PDB file of all heavy atoms in Angstrom:
ATOM      1  N   LYS A   1     110.211  99.154  85.434  1.00  0.00           N
ATOM      2  CA  LYS A   1     111.537  99.265  85.985  1.00  0.00           C
ATOM      3  C   LYS A   1     111.647 100.094  87.300  1.00  0.00           C
ATOM      4  O   LYS A   1     112.283  99.725  88.265  1.00  0.00           O
ATOM      5  CB  LYS A   1     112.464  99.951  84.890  1.00  0.00           C
ATOM      6  CG  LYS A   1     113.901 100.126  85.359  1.00  0.00           C
ATOM      7  CD  LYS A   1     114.669  98.850  85.237  1.00  0.00           C
ATOM      8  CE  LYS A   1     116.182  99.118  85.499  1.00  0.00           C
ATOM      9  NZ  LYS A   1     116.960  97.862  85.588  1.00  0.00           N
ATOM     10  N   ALA A   2     110.867 101.209  87.319  1.00  0.00           N
ATOM     11  CA  ALA A   2     110.884 102.095  88.491  1.00  0.00           C
ATOM     12  C   ALA A   2     110.254 101.426  89.714  1.00  0.00           C
ATOM     13  O   ALA A   2     110.691 101.739  90.873  1.00  0.00           O
ATOM     14  CB  ALA A   2     110.127 103.389  88.161  1.00  0.00           C
ATOM     15  N   THR A   3     109.288 100.581  89.548  1.00  0.00           N
ATOM     16  CA  THR A   3     108.534 100.017  90.631  1.00  0.00           C
ATOM     17  C   THR A   3     108.789  98.534  90.892  1.00  0.00           C
ATOM     18  O   THR A   3     108.276  98.012  91.904  1.00  0.00           O
ATOM     19  CB  THR A   3     107.016 100.210  90.437  1.00  0.00           C
ATOM     20  OG1 THR A   3     106.591  99.495  89.286  1.00  0.00           O
ATOM     21  CG2 THR A   3     106.635 101.688  90.293  1.00  0.00           C
ATOM     22  N   SER A   4     109.646  97.935  90.080  1.00  0.00           N
ATOM     23  CA  SER A   4     109.986  96.484  90.356  1.00  0.00           C
ATOM     24  C   SER A   4     111.462  96.252  90.292  1.00  0.00           C
ATOM     25  O   SER A   4     111.896  95.233  90.745  1.00  0.00           O
ATOM     26  CB  SER A   4     109.295  95.600  89.405  1.00  0.00           C
ATOM     27  OG  SER A   4     109.873  95.605  88.136  1.00  0.00           O
ATOM     28  N   GLY A   5     112.199  97.168  89.682  1.00  0.00           N
ATOM     29  CA  GLY A   5     113.709  97.028  89.574  1.00  0.00           C
ATOM     30  C   GLY A   5     114.058  96.188  88.323  1.00  0.00           C
ATOM     31  O   GLY A   5     115.278  95.981  88.123  1.00  0.00           O
ATOM     32  N   SER A   6     113.114  95.681  87.526  1.00  0.00           N
ATOM     33  CA  SER A   6     113.504  94.900  86.370  1.00  0.00           C
ATOM     34  C   SER A   6     112.390  95.114  85.304  1.00  0.00           C
ATOM     35  O   SER A   6     111.366  95.723  85.459  1.00  0.00           O
ATOM     36  CB  SER A   6     113.564  93.381  86.786  1.00  0.00           C
ATOM     37  OG  SER A   6     112.352  92.731  86.616  1.00  0.00           O
ATOM     38  N   LEU A   7     112.640  94.484  84.131  1.00  0.00           N
ATOM     39  CA  LEU A   7     111.688  94.540  83.005  1.00  0.00           C
ATOM     40  C   LEU A   7     111.093  93.148  82.731  1.00  0.00           C
ATOM     41  O   LEU A   7     110.539  92.936  81.645  1.00  0.00           O
ATOM     42  CB  LEU A   7     112.405  95.023  81.767  1.00  0.00           C
ATOM     43  CG  LEU A   7     112.864  96.500  81.802  1.00  0.00           C
ATOM     44  CD1 LEU A   7     113.663  96.852  80.543  1.00  0.00           C
ATOM     45  CD2 LEU A   7     111.715  97.457  82.032  1.00  0.00           C
ATOM     46  N   GLU A   8     111.145  92.297  83.721  1.00  0.00           N
ATOM     47  CA  GLU A   8     110.608  90.944  83.524  1.00  0.00           C
ATOM     48  C   GLU A   8     109.165  90.982  83.209  1.00  0.00           C
ATOM     49  O   GLU A   8     108.331  91.713  83.918  1.00  0.00           O
ATOM     50  CB  GLU A   8     110.824  90.129  84.821  1.00  0.00           C
ATOM     51  CG  GLU A   8     110.554  88.625  84.621  1.00  0.00           C
ATOM     52  CD  GLU A   8     110.808  87.851  85.931  1.00  0.00           C
ATOM     53  OE1 GLU A   8     111.551  88.379  86.807  1.00  0.00           O
ATOM     54  OE2 GLU A   8     110.265  86.756  86.056  1.00  0.00           O
ATOM     55  N   GLY A   9     108.727  90.274  82.206  1.00  0.00           N
ATOM     56  CA  GLY A   9     107.293  90.195  81.859  1.00  0.00           C
ATOM     57  C   GLY A   9     106.821  91.327  80.956  1.00  0.00           C
ATOM     58  O   GLY A   9     105.615  91.407  80.650  1.00  0.00           O
ATOM     59  N   LEU A  10     107.689  92.188  80.565  1.00  0.00           N
ATOM     60  CA  LEU A  10     107.328  93.419  79.763  1.00  0.00           C
ATOM     61  C   LEU A  10     106.641  93.002  78.497  1.00  0.00           C
ATOM     62  O   LEU A  10     105.649  93.640  78.107  1.00  0.00           O
ATOM     63  CB  LEU A  10     108.540  94.223  79.476  1.00  0.00           C
ATOM     64  CG  LEU A  10     108.316  95.481  78.585  1.00  0.00           C
ATOM     65  CD1 LEU A  10     107.305  96.463  79.246  1.00  0.00           C
ATOM     66  CD2 LEU A  10     109.680  96.211  78.242  1.00  0.00           C
ATOM     67  N   ASP A  11     107.085  91.966  77.835  1.00  0.00           N
ATOM     68  CA  ASP A  11     106.529  91.537  76.531  1.00  0.00           C
ATOM     69  C   ASP A  11     105.047  91.109  76.590  1.00  0.00           C
ATOM     70  O   ASP A  11     104.427  90.923  75.571  1.00  0.00           O
ATOM     71  CB  ASP A  11     107.379  90.362  75.920  1.00  0.00           C
ATOM     72  CG  ASP A  11     108.727  90.871  75.494  1.00  0.00           C
ATOM     73  OD1 ASP A  11     108.955  92.030  75.406  1.00  0.00           O
ATOM     74  OD2 ASP A  11     109.621  90.018  75.196  1.00  0.00           O
ATOM     75  N   LEU A  12     104.612  90.797  77.804  1.00  0.00           N
ATOM     76  CA  LEU A  12     103.218  90.334  77.995  1.00  0.00           C
ATOM     77  C   LEU A  12     102.337  91.460  78.605  1.00  0.00           C
ATOM     78  O   LEU A  12     101.162  91.182  78.879  1.00  0.00           O
ATOM     79  CB  LEU A  12     103.211  89.068  78.846  1.00  0.00           C
ATOM     80  CG  LEU A  12     103.894  87.823  78.302  1.00  0.00           C
ATOM     81  CD1 LEU A  12     104.033  86.754  79.337  1.00  0.00           C
ATOM     82  CD2 LEU A  12     103.206  87.337  77.071  1.00  0.00           C
ATOM     83  N   LYS A  13     102.879  92.608  78.834  1.00  0.00           N
ATOM     84  CA  LYS A  13     102.086  93.608  79.493  1.00  0.00           C
ATOM     85  C   LYS A  13     100.984  94.289  78.787  1.00  0.00           C
ATOM     86  O   LYS A  13     100.077  94.821  79.485  1.00  0.00           O
ATOM     87  CB  LYS A  13     103.115  94.720  80.063  1.00  0.00           C
ATOM     88  CG  LYS A  13     103.910  94.372  81.300  1.00  0.00           C
ATOM     89  CD  LYS A  13     103.004  94.474  82.526  1.00  0.00           C
ATOM     90  CE  LYS A  13     103.656  94.101  83.815  1.00  0.00           C
ATOM     91  NZ  LYS A  13     102.756  94.035  84.898  1.00  0.00           N
ATOM     92  N   LEU A  14     101.014  94.259  77.427  1.00  0.00           N
ATOM     93  CA  LEU A  14      99.943  94.908  76.747  1.00  0.00           C
ATOM     94  C   LEU A  14      99.290  93.812  75.779  1.00  0.00           C
ATOM     95  O   LEU A  14      99.977  93.330  74.843  1.00  0.00           O
ATOM     96  CB  LEU A  14     100.441  96.078  75.894  1.00  0.00           C
ATOM     97  CG  LEU A  14      99.325  96.813  75.141  1.00  0.00           C
ATOM     98  CD1 LEU A  14      98.514  97.585  76.189  1.00  0.00           C
ATOM     99  CD2 LEU A  14      99.929  97.781  74.190  1.00  0.00           C
ATOM    100  N   HIS A  15      98.061  93.592  76.034  1.00  0.00           N
ATOM    101  CA  HIS A  15      97.316  92.503  75.339  1.00  0.00           C
ATOM    102  C   HIS A  15      96.456  93.178  74.233  1.00  0.00           C
ATOM    103  O   HIS A  15      95.712  94.117  74.563  1.00  0.00           O
ATOM    104  CB  HIS A  15      96.444  91.701  76.298  1.00  0.00           C
ATOM    105  CG  HIS A  15      95.992  90.373  75.724  1.00  0.00           C
ATOM    106  ND1 HIS A  15      96.846  89.223  75.761  1.00  0.00           N
ATOM    107  CD2 HIS A  15      94.905  89.937  75.187  1.00  0.00           C
ATOM    108  CE1 HIS A  15      96.124  88.209  75.262  1.00  0.00           C
ATOM    109  NE2 HIS A  15      94.980  88.646  74.861  1.00  0.00           N
ATOM    110  N   ASP A  16      96.486  92.653  72.963  1.00  0.00           N
ATOM    111  CA  ASP A  16      95.741  93.257  71.935  1.00  0.00           C
ATOM    112  C   ASP A  16      94.300  92.755  72.008  1.00  0.00           C
ATOM    113  O   ASP A  16      93.971  91.543  71.803  1.00  0.00           O
ATOM    114  CB  ASP A  16      96.380  92.776  70.561  1.00  0.00           C
ATOM    115  CG  ASP A  16      95.592  93.223  69.357  1.00  0.00           C
ATOM    116  OD1 ASP A  16      94.546  93.880  69.491  1.00  0.00           O
ATOM    117  OD2 ASP A  16      96.039  92.882  68.265  1.00  0.00           O
ATOM    118  N   PHE A  17      93.303  93.674  72.297  1.00  0.00           N
ATOM    119  CA  PHE A  17      91.887  93.389  72.365  1.00  0.00           C
ATOM    120  C   PHE A  17      91.180  93.929  71.103  1.00  0.00           C
ATOM    121  O   PHE A  17      89.984  94.046  71.138  1.00  0.00           O
ATOM    122  CB  PHE A  17      91.274  94.140  73.607  1.00  0.00           C
ATOM    123  CG  PHE A  17      91.489  93.426  74.922  1.00  0.00           C
ATOM    124  CD1 PHE A  17      92.204  92.271  75.088  1.00  0.00           C
ATOM    125  CD2 PHE A  17      90.979  94.051  76.100  1.00  0.00           C
ATOM    126  CE1 PHE A  17      92.346  91.635  76.300  1.00  0.00           C
ATOM    127  CE2 PHE A  17      91.086  93.417  77.313  1.00  0.00           C
ATOM    128  CZ  PHE A  17      91.829  92.138  77.442  1.00  0.00           C
ATOM    129  N   GLY A  18      91.906  94.249  70.045  1.00  0.00           N
ATOM    130  CA  GLY A  18      91.348  95.108  69.044  1.00  0.00           C
ATOM    131  C   GLY A  18      90.639  94.367  67.839  1.00  0.00           C
ATOM    132  O   GLY A  18      90.120  95.115  66.946  1.00  0.00           O
ATOM    133  N   TYR A  19      90.598  93.094  67.829  1.00  0.00           N
ATOM    134  CA  TYR A  19      90.103  92.327  66.598  1.00  0.00           C
ATOM    135  C   TYR A  19      88.736  92.805  66.185  1.00  0.00           C
ATOM    136  O   TYR A  19      88.480  93.225  65.068  1.00  0.00           O
ATOM    137  CB  TYR A  19      90.085  90.844  66.950  1.00  0.00           C
ATOM    138  CG  TYR A  19      90.007  89.896  65.771  1.00  0.00           C
ATOM    139  CD1 TYR A  19      90.394  88.537  65.937  1.00  0.00           C
ATOM    140  CD2 TYR A  19      89.737  90.321  64.470  1.00  0.00           C
ATOM    141  CE1 TYR A  19      90.363  87.652  64.839  1.00  0.00           C
ATOM    142  CE2 TYR A  19      89.797  89.415  63.405  1.00  0.00           C
ATOM    143  CZ  TYR A  19      90.059  88.083  63.611  1.00  0.00           C
ATOM    144  OH  TYR A  19      90.104  87.226  62.516  1.00  0.00           O
ATOM    145  N   ARG A  20      87.757  92.917  67.157  1.00  0.00           N
ATOM    146  CA  ARG A  20      86.338  93.252  66.786  1.00  0.00           C
ATOM    147  C   ARG A  20      86.207  94.717  66.479  1.00  0.00           C
ATOM    148  O   ARG A  20      85.229  95.151  65.904  1.00  0.00           O
ATOM    149  CB  ARG A  20      85.429  92.947  67.942  1.00  0.00           C
ATOM    150  CG  ARG A  20      85.584  93.786  69.152  1.00  0.00           C
ATOM    151  CD  ARG A  20      84.877  93.274  70.359  1.00  0.00           C
ATOM    152  NE  ARG A  20      85.358  91.980  70.783  1.00  0.00           N
ATOM    153  CZ  ARG A  20      84.782  91.215  71.744  1.00  0.00           C
ATOM    154  NH1 ARG A  20      83.743  91.721  72.423  1.00  0.00           N
ATOM    155  NH2 ARG A  20      85.267  90.051  72.033  1.00  0.00           N
ATOM    156  N   GLY A  21      87.186  95.545  66.817  1.00  0.00           N
ATOM    157  CA  GLY A  21      87.034  96.996  66.625  1.00  0.00           C
ATOM    158  C   GLY A  21      87.565  97.605  65.422  1.00  0.00           C
ATOM    159  O   GLY A  21      87.565  98.784  65.193  1.00  0.00           O
ATOM    160  N   VAL A  22      88.198  96.734  64.545  1.00  0.00           N
ATOM    161  CA  VAL A  22      88.804  97.281  63.348  1.00  0.00           C
ATOM    162  C   VAL A  22      87.767  97.119  62.131  1.00  0.00           C
ATOM    163  O   VAL A  22      86.730  96.535  62.277  1.00  0.00           O
ATOM    164  CB  VAL A  22      90.155  96.577  63.008  1.00  0.00           C
ATOM    165  CG1 VAL A  22      91.164  96.952  63.999  1.00  0.00           C
ATOM    166  CG2 VAL A  22      89.959  95.097  62.902  1.00  0.00           C
ATOM    167  N   SER A  23      88.192  97.633  61.028  1.00  0.00           N
ATOM    168  CA  SER A  23      87.272  97.723  59.874  1.00  0.00           C
ATOM    169  C   SER A  23      87.137  96.479  58.978  1.00  0.00           C
ATOM    170  O   SER A  23      86.257  96.409  58.224  1.00  0.00           O
ATOM    171  CB  SER A  23      87.746  98.896  58.979  1.00  0.00           C
ATOM    172  OG  SER A  23      89.034  98.703  58.606  1.00  0.00           O
ATOM    173  N   SER A  24      88.132  95.604  59.131  1.00  0.00           N
ATOM    174  CA  SER A  24      88.089  94.347  58.254  1.00  0.00           C
ATOM    175  C   SER A  24      89.071  93.318  58.809  1.00  0.00           C
ATOM    176  O   SER A  24      89.863  93.572  59.673  1.00  0.00           O
ATOM    177  CB  SER A  24      88.574  94.772  56.832  1.00  0.00           C
ATOM    178  OG  SER A  24      89.982  95.171  56.944  1.00  0.00           O
ATOM    179  N   GLN A  25      88.918  92.130  58.214  1.00  0.00           N
ATOM    180  CA  GLN A  25      89.835  91.040  58.552  1.00  0.00           C
ATOM    181  C   GLN A  25      91.285  91.446  58.227  1.00  0.00           C
ATOM    182  O   GLN A  25      92.203  91.075  59.022  1.00  0.00           O
ATOM    183  CB  GLN A  25      89.471  89.796  57.785  1.00  0.00           C
ATOM    184  CG  GLN A  25      88.161  89.158  58.261  1.00  0.00           C
ATOM    185  CD  GLN A  25      88.242  88.542  59.682  1.00  0.00           C
ATOM    186  OE1 GLN A  25      89.311  88.051  60.031  1.00  0.00           O
ATOM    187  NE2 GLN A  25      87.143  88.552  60.349  1.00  0.00           N
ATOM    188  N   GLU A  26      91.503  92.127  57.095  1.00  0.00           N
ATOM    189  CA  GLU A  26      92.891  92.461  56.693  1.00  0.00           C
ATOM    190  C   GLU A  26      93.483  93.551  57.704  1.00  0.00           C
ATOM    191  O   GLU A  26      94.654  93.477  58.038  1.00  0.00           O
ATOM    192  CB  GLU A  26      92.945  92.980  55.265  1.00  0.00           C
ATOM    193  CG  GLU A  26      94.390  93.125  54.836  1.00  0.00           C
ATOM    194  CD  GLU A  26      94.476  93.455  53.378  1.00  0.00           C
ATOM    195  OE1 GLU A  26      93.627  94.176  52.840  1.00  0.00           O
ATOM    196  OE2 GLU A  26      95.485  93.029  52.758  1.00  0.00           O
ATOM    197  N   SER A  27      92.591  94.445  58.109  1.00  0.00           N
ATOM    198  CA  SER A  27      93.078  95.394  59.142  1.00  0.00           C
ATOM    199  C   SER A  27      93.489  94.729  60.430  1.00  0.00           C
ATOM    200  O   SER A  27      94.528  94.978  60.994  1.00  0.00           O
ATOM    201  CB  SER A  27      91.958  96.409  59.422  1.00  0.00           C
ATOM    202  OG  SER A  27      91.715  97.252  58.360  1.00  0.00           O
ATOM    203  N   ALA A  28      92.644  93.737  60.865  1.00  0.00           N
ATOM    204  CA  ALA A  28      92.977  92.978  62.043  1.00  0.00           C
ATOM    205  C   ALA A  28      94.357  92.239  61.871  1.00  0.00           C
ATOM    206  O   ALA A  28      95.123  92.190  62.791  1.00  0.00           O
ATOM    207  CB  ALA A  28      91.842  91.986  62.343  1.00  0.00           C
ATOM    208  N   ALA A  29      94.525  91.648  60.664  1.00  0.00           N
ATOM    209  CA  ALA A  29      95.737  90.913  60.423  1.00  0.00           C
ATOM    210  C   ALA A  29      96.952  91.853  60.437  1.00  0.00           C
ATOM    211  O   ALA A  29      97.997  91.570  61.087  1.00  0.00           O
ATOM    212  CB  ALA A  29      95.678  90.185  59.128  1.00  0.00           C
ATOM    213  N   LEU A  30      96.939  92.953  59.683  1.00  0.00           N
ATOM    214  CA  LEU A  30      98.036  93.974  59.597  1.00  0.00           C
ATOM    215  C   LEU A  30      98.237  94.563  60.968  1.00  0.00           C
ATOM    216  O   LEU A  30      99.483  94.622  61.448  1.00  0.00           O
ATOM    217  CB  LEU A  30      97.681  94.977  58.548  1.00  0.00           C
ATOM    218  CG  LEU A  30      98.178  94.806  57.128  1.00  0.00           C
ATOM    219  CD1 LEU A  30      97.553  95.823  56.265  1.00  0.00           C
ATOM    220  CD2 LEU A  30      99.671  94.858  57.090  1.00  0.00           C
ATOM    221  N   GLY A  31      97.200  95.064  61.614  1.00  0.00           N
ATOM    222  CA  GLY A  31      97.412  95.787  62.921  1.00  0.00           C
ATOM    223  C   GLY A  31      97.845  94.776  63.944  1.00  0.00           C
ATOM    224  O   GLY A  31      98.609  95.057  64.803  1.00  0.00           O
ATOM    225  N   GLY A  32      97.206  93.588  63.954  1.00  0.00           N
ATOM    226  CA  GLY A  32      97.535  92.557  64.987  1.00  0.00           C
ATOM    227  C   GLY A  32      98.998  92.152  64.872  1.00  0.00           C
ATOM    228  O   GLY A  32      99.686  91.992  65.880  1.00  0.00           O
ATOM    229  N   ALA A  33      99.453  91.993  63.631  1.00  0.00           N
ATOM    230  CA  ALA A  33     100.841  91.566  63.435  1.00  0.00           C
ATOM    231  C   ALA A  33     101.796  92.712  63.863  1.00  0.00           C
ATOM    232  O   ALA A  33     102.895  92.481  64.404  1.00  0.00           O
ATOM    233  CB  ALA A  33     101.098  91.181  61.982  1.00  0.00           C
ATOM    234  N   ALA A  34     101.377  93.958  63.516  1.00  0.00           N
ATOM    235  CA  ALA A  34     102.229  95.104  63.901  1.00  0.00           C
ATOM    236  C   ALA A  34     102.387  95.217  65.401  1.00  0.00           C
ATOM    237  O   ALA A  34     103.534  95.506  65.880  1.00  0.00           O
ATOM    238  CB  ALA A  34     101.583  96.396  63.378  1.00  0.00           C
ATOM    239  N   HIS A  35     101.357  94.889  66.134  1.00  0.00           N
ATOM    240  CA  HIS A  35     101.511  94.891  67.640  1.00  0.00           C
ATOM    241  C   HIS A  35     102.562  93.817  68.113  1.00  0.00           C
ATOM    242  O   HIS A  35     103.262  93.953  69.063  1.00  0.00           O
ATOM    243  CB  HIS A  35     100.138  94.662  68.276  1.00  0.00           C
ATOM    244  CG  HIS A  35     100.161  94.362  69.692  1.00  0.00           C
ATOM    245  ND1 HIS A  35     100.590  95.412  70.669  1.00  0.00           N
ATOM    246  CD2 HIS A  35      99.949  93.322  70.519  1.00  0.00           C
ATOM    247  CE1 HIS A  35     100.480  94.904  71.856  1.00  0.00           C
ATOM    248  NE2 HIS A  35     100.094  93.655  71.772  1.00  0.00           N
ATOM    249  N   LEU A  36     102.494  92.679  67.382  1.00  0.00           N
ATOM    250  CA  LEU A  36     103.397  91.581  67.770  1.00  0.00           C
ATOM    251  C   LEU A  36     104.824  91.808  67.463  1.00  0.00           C
ATOM    252  O   LEU A  36     105.676  91.057  67.862  1.00  0.00           O
ATOM    253  CB  LEU A  36     102.909  90.286  67.059  1.00  0.00           C
ATOM    254  CG  LEU A  36     101.502  89.742  67.463  1.00  0.00           C
ATOM    255  CD1 LEU A  36     101.024  88.651  66.624  1.00  0.00           C
ATOM    256  CD2 LEU A  36     101.600  89.272  68.949  1.00  0.00           C
ATOM    257  N   VAL A  37     105.190  92.938  66.793  1.00  0.00           N
ATOM    258  CA  VAL A  37     106.554  93.332  66.692  1.00  0.00           C
ATOM    259  C   VAL A  37     107.156  93.667  68.097  1.00  0.00           C
ATOM    260  O   VAL A  37     108.296  93.432  68.340  1.00  0.00           O
ATOM    261  CB  VAL A  37     106.617  94.535  65.766  1.00  0.00           C
ATOM    262  CG1 VAL A  37     108.022  95.173  65.768  1.00  0.00           C
ATOM    263  CG2 VAL A  37     106.319  94.120  64.317  1.00  0.00           C
ATOM    264  N   ASN A  38     106.238  94.143  68.965  1.00  0.00           N
ATOM    265  CA  ASN A  38     106.702  94.683  70.265  1.00  0.00           C
ATOM    266  C   ASN A  38     106.280  93.820  71.412  1.00  0.00           C
ATOM    267  O   ASN A  38     106.921  93.819  72.463  1.00  0.00           O
ATOM    268  CB  ASN A  38     106.134  96.095  70.456  1.00  0.00           C
ATOM    269  CG  ASN A  38     106.452  97.005  69.332  1.00  0.00           C
ATOM    270  OD1 ASN A  38     107.650  97.403  69.168  1.00  0.00           O
ATOM    271  ND2 ASN A  38     105.458  97.443  68.524  1.00  0.00           N
ATOM    272  N   PHE A  39     105.208  93.088  71.313  1.00  0.00           N
ATOM    273  CA  PHE A  39     104.647  92.270  72.422  1.00  0.00           C
ATOM    274  C   PHE A  39     104.359  90.894  71.924  1.00  0.00           C
ATOM    275  O   PHE A  39     104.264  90.589  70.779  1.00  0.00           O
ATOM    276  CB  PHE A  39     103.390  92.902  73.024  1.00  0.00           C
ATOM    277  CG  PHE A  39     103.562  94.237  73.703  1.00  0.00           C
ATOM    278  CD1 PHE A  39     103.582  95.431  72.975  1.00  0.00           C
ATOM    279  CD2 PHE A  39     103.928  94.280  75.074  1.00  0.00           C
ATOM    280  CE1 PHE A  39     103.794  96.665  73.700  1.00  0.00           C
ATOM    281  CE2 PHE A  39     104.107  95.475  75.697  1.00  0.00           C
ATOM    282  CZ  PHE A  39     104.116  96.676  74.990  1.00  0.00           C
ATOM    283  N   CYS A  40     104.088  90.000  72.879  1.00  0.00           N
ATOM    284  CA  CYS A  40     103.727  88.570  72.564  1.00  0.00           C
ATOM    285  C   CYS A  40     102.395  88.208  73.100  1.00  0.00           C
ATOM    286  O   CYS A  40     102.058  87.014  73.303  1.00  0.00           O
ATOM    287  CB  CYS A  40     104.803  87.629  73.241  1.00  0.00           C
ATOM    288  SG  CYS A  40     106.440  87.908  72.669  1.00  0.00           S
ATOM    289  N   SER A  41     101.567  89.231  73.387  1.00  0.00           N
ATOM    290  CA  SER A  41     100.295  89.041  74.038  1.00  0.00           C
ATOM    291  C   SER A  41      99.140  89.532  73.216  1.00  0.00           C
ATOM    292  O   SER A  41      99.086  90.656  72.840  1.00  0.00           O
ATOM    293  CB  SER A  41     100.302  89.686  75.389  1.00  0.00           C
ATOM    294  OG  SER A  41      99.214  89.274  76.214  1.00  0.00           O
ATOM    295  N   THR A  42      98.214  88.566  72.789  1.00  0.00           N
ATOM    296  CA  THR A  42      97.133  89.061  71.896  1.00  0.00           C
ATOM    297  C   THR A  42      95.956  88.128  71.862  1.00  0.00           C
ATOM    298  O   THR A  42      96.066  86.961  72.146  1.00  0.00           O
ATOM    299  CB  THR A  42      97.722  89.141  70.402  1.00  0.00           C
ATOM    300  OG1 THR A  42      96.715  89.702  69.568  1.00  0.00           O
ATOM    301  CG2 THR A  42      98.111  87.765  69.889  1.00  0.00           C
ATOM    302  N   ASP A  43      94.788  88.674  71.485  1.00  0.00           N
ATOM    303  CA  ASP A  43      93.604  87.894  71.193  1.00  0.00           C
ATOM    304  C   ASP A  43      93.236  88.026  69.763  1.00  0.00           C
ATOM    305  O   ASP A  43      92.188  87.594  69.317  1.00  0.00           O
ATOM    306  CB  ASP A  43      92.456  88.343  72.121  1.00  0.00           C
ATOM    307  CG  ASP A  43      92.197  87.284  73.231  1.00  0.00           C
ATOM    308  OD1 ASP A  43      93.160  86.751  73.703  1.00  0.00           O
ATOM    309  OD2 ASP A  43      90.991  87.096  73.606  1.00  0.00           O
TER     310      ASP A  43
END
């Protein structure tokens, strides 16, 4: 907002790179879905 005057594209600004770094498939699912509460960008 401070450097562009708008919030356009905010939902895509943080991409989840965390799949390989968690402890299990279920952690990836729970954590990955939790991130998607706030953003729409993920691997």
